[in-house]
C-alpha atoms as a PDB file:
ATOM      1  CA  MET A   1     119.300  93.119 133.216  1.00  0.00           C
ATOM      2  CA  ASN A   2     115.683  92.182 133.904  1.00  0.00           C
ATOM      3  CA  ASN A   3     114.598  94.223 130.890  1.00  0.00           C
ATOM      4  CA  LEU A   4     117.069  92.395 128.653  1.00  0.00           C
ATOM      5  CA  LEU A   5     115.958  89.000 129.952  1.00  0.00           C
ATOM      6  CA  ALA A   6     112.289  89.881 129.485  1.00  0.00           C
ATOM      7  CA  ARG A   7     113.016  91.049 125.936  1.00  0.00           C
ATOM      8  CA  LEU A   8     114.908  87.881 125.063  1.00  0.00           C
ATOM      9  CA  ILE A   9     112.174  85.641 126.471  1.00  0.00           C
ATOM     10  CA  GLY A  10     109.518  87.709 124.702  1.00  0.00           C
ATOM     11  CA  ASP A  11     111.418  87.542 121.414  1.00  0.00           C
ATOM     12  CA  LYS A  12     111.719  83.767 121.731  1.00  0.00           C
ATOM     13  CA  LYS A  13     107.990  83.436 122.390  1.00  0.00           C
ATOM     14  CA  ASP A  14     107.242  85.643 119.365  1.00  0.00           C
ATOM     15  CA  TRP A  15     109.571  83.526 117.247  1.00  0.00           C
ATOM     16  CA  LYS A  16     107.853  80.298 118.328  1.00  0.00           C
ATOM     17  CA  ARG A  17     104.433  81.794 117.550  1.00  0.00           C
ATOM     18  CA  MET A  18     105.654  82.841 114.098  1.00  0.00           C
ATOM     19  CA  GLU A  19     107.094  79.402 113.408  1.00  0.00           C
ATOM     20  CA  ALA A  20     103.798  77.807 114.472  1.00  0.00           C
ATOM     21  CA  ARG A  21     101.955  80.108 112.050  1.00  0.00           C
ATOM     22  CA  ALA A  22     104.384  79.172 109.282  1.00  0.00           C
ATOM     23  CA  THR A  23     103.607  75.471 109.744  1.00  0.00           C
ATOM     24  CA  GLN A  24      99.997  76.247 108.811  1.00  0.00           C
ATOM     25  CA  LEU A  25     100.969  77.558 105.367  1.00  0.00           C
ATOM     26  CA  PRO A  26     100.482  75.345 102.303  1.00  0.00           C
ATOM     27  CA  ALA A  27     103.524  73.200 101.445  1.00  0.00           C
ATOM     28  CA  GLU A  28     104.833  75.456  98.646  1.00  0.00           C
ATOM     29  CA  TYR A  29     104.616  78.511 100.894  1.00  0.00           C
ATOM     30  CA  ARG A  30     106.367  76.690 103.752  1.00  0.00           C
ATOM     31  CA  THR A  31     109.195  75.712 101.428  1.00  0.00           C
ATOM     32  CA  VAL A  32     109.644  79.217 100.033  1.00  0.00           C
ATOM     33  CA  TYR A  33     109.274  80.824 103.474  1.00  0.00           C
ATOM     34  CA  ALA A  34     111.961  78.553 104.929  1.00  0.00           C
ATOM     35  CA  GLU A  35     114.368  79.275 102.082  1.00  0.00           C
ATOM     36  CA  MET A  36     113.716  83.015 102.282  1.00  0.00           C
ATOM     37  CA  LYS A  37     114.246  82.951 106.025  1.00  0.00           C
ATOM     38  CA  ASN A  38     117.607  81.226 105.551  1.00  0.00           C
ATOM     39  CA  TYR A  39     118.619  83.719 102.869  1.00  0.00           C
ATOM     40  CA  LEU A  40     117.561  86.817 104.828  1.00  0.00           C
ATOM     41  CA  TRP A  41     119.018  85.499 108.097  1.00  0.00           C
ATOM     42  CA  ARG A  42     122.474  85.634 106.543  1.00  0.00           C
ATOM     43  CA  PHE A  43     122.050  89.373 106.301  1.00  0.00           C
ATOM     44  CA  THR A  44     120.529  89.551 109.816  1.00  0.00           C
ATOM     45  CA  THR A  45     117.719  91.776 108.713  1.00  0.00           C
ATOM     46  CA  GLY A  46     114.077  91.792 109.714  1.00  0.00           C
ATOM     47  CA  ASP A  47     112.114  89.234 111.632  1.00  0.00           C
ATOM     48  CA  GLY A  48     110.056  87.822 108.758  1.00  0.00           C
ATOM     49  CA  LYS A  49     106.696  88.893 110.176  1.00  0.00           C
ATOM     50  CA  ASP A  50     105.841  91.014 107.133  1.00  0.00           C
ATOM     51  CA  ILE A  51     106.581  88.109 104.793  1.00  0.00           C
ATOM     52  CA  LEU A  52     104.632  85.645 106.930  1.00  0.00           C
ATOM     53  CA  ASP A  53     101.639  88.024 107.020  1.00  0.00           C
ATOM     54  CA  LEU A  54     101.805  88.407 103.241  1.00  0.00           C
ATOM     55  CA  PHE A  55     102.057  84.645 102.679  1.00  0.00           C
ATOM     56  CA  GLU A  56      99.152  83.888 105.021  1.00  0.00           C
ATOM     57  CA  THR A  57      96.949  86.410 103.222  1.00  0.00           C
ATOM     58  CA  LYS A  58      97.829  85.226  99.732  1.00  0.00           C
ATOM     59  CA  ALA A  59      97.581  81.535 100.647  1.00  0.00           C
ATOM     60  CA  ALA A  60      94.121  82.166 102.115  1.00  0.00           C
ATOM     61  CA  ASN A  61      93.168  83.701  98.759  1.00  0.00           C
ATOM     62  CA  ALA A  62      94.423  80.534  96.999  1.00  0.00           C
ATOM     63  CA  ARG A  63      97.228  82.333  95.163  1.00  0.00           C
ATOM     64  CA  ALA A  64     100.247  80.279  94.143  1.00  0.00           C
ATOM     65  CA  VAL A  65     103.401  81.299  95.963  1.00  0.00           C
ATOM     66  CA  LEU A  66     105.225  82.127  92.720  1.00  0.00           C
ATOM     67  CA  GLU A  67     102.411  84.555  91.839  1.00  0.00           C
ATOM     68  CA  VAL A  68     103.320  86.390  95.039  1.00  0.00           C
ATOM     69  CA  THR A  69     107.107  86.279  94.854  1.00  0.00           C
ATOM     70  CA  GLY A  70     107.633  86.033  91.124  1.00  0.00           C
ATOM     71  CA  PRO A  71     110.123  83.594  89.607  1.00  0.00           C
ATOM     72  CA  ASP A  72     113.161  85.492  90.938  1.00  0.00           C
ATOM     73  CA  LEU A  73     112.893  84.730  94.641  1.00  0.00           C
ATOM     74  CA  ALA A  74     116.245  86.366  95.366  1.00  0.00           C
ATOM     75  CA  ALA A  75     115.051  89.661  93.835  1.00  0.00           C
ATOM     76  CA  PHE A  76     111.901  89.460  95.964  1.00  0.00           C
ATOM     77  CA  CYS A  77     114.085  89.038  99.068  1.00  0.00           C
ATOM     78  CA  ASP A  78     116.587  91.693  98.014  1.00  0.00           C
ATOM     79  CA  THR A  79     113.844  94.342  97.935  1.00  0.00           C
ATOM     80  CA  ARG A  80     113.532  93.711 101.675  1.00  0.00           C
ATOM     81  CA  LEU A  81     117.253  94.095 102.377  1.00  0.00           C
ATOM     82  CA  PRO A  82     119.042  97.346 103.119  1.00  0.00           C
ATOM     83  CA  GLU A  83     121.551  98.420 100.493  1.00  0.00           C
ATOM     84  CA  GLN A  84     124.799  96.652 101.164  1.00  0.00           C
ATOM     85  CA  HIS A  85     127.639  95.107  99.256  1.00  0.00           C
ATOM     86  CA  ASP A  86     128.230  91.485 100.084  1.00  0.00           C
ATOM     87  CA  ALA A  87     130.707  89.278  98.271  1.00  0.00           C
ATOM     88  CA  TYR A  88     128.524  86.219  98.853  1.00  0.00           C
ATOM     89  CA  ARG A  89     125.257  87.717  97.592  1.00  0.00           C
ATOM     90  CA  PRO A  90     125.516  86.444  93.967  1.00  0.00           C
ATOM     91  CA  LYS A  91     126.114  82.850  95.144  1.00  0.00           C
ATOM     92  CA  LEU A  92     123.328  83.083  97.733  1.00  0.00           C
ATOM     93  CA  ARG A  93     120.947  84.496  95.107  1.00  0.00           C
ATOM     94  CA  THR A  94     121.694  81.596  92.774  1.00  0.00           C
ATOM     95  CA  ASN A  95     121.085  79.043  95.521  1.00  0.00           C
ATOM     96  CA  LEU A  96     117.827  80.710  96.529  1.00  0.00           C
ATOM     97  CA  ASN A  97     116.493  80.855  92.982  1.00  0.00           C
ATOM     98  CA  GLU A  98     117.078  77.120  92.581  1.00  0.00           C
ATOM     99  CA  VAL A  99     114.052  76.727  94.890  1.00  0.00           C
ATOM    100  CA  THR A 100     111.715  78.499  92.465  1.00  0.00           C
ATOM    101  CA  GLN A 101     113.089  76.502  89.549  1.00  0.00           C
ATOM    102  CA  LYS A 102     112.022  73.341  91.367  1.00  0.00           C
ATOM    103  CA  LEU A 103     108.530  74.757  92.020  1.00  0.00           C
ATOM    104  CA  ALA A 104     107.921  76.048  88.483  1.00  0.00           C
END
């Protein structure tokens, strides 16, 4: 039980640190990161650290977020998802790509 509690507390602290890092991203990156997080969370996969690391690096190099993700944000996210068949995926992809249409 102690191990589980320590893991949960540790995970929460890690999450808060990640969210604090995300607030330091440029506005476009924060917007895309938040939308990607919402999209990927629905599939309960990953913790987003790899994406946050990538975004921090590219933002520091003054690259536009759409240069990193490409115009199809859903495809960018889907490459990070395990193969699965989900009836809601087409609708979720459409909603996610509306973000990049607003940024373009």
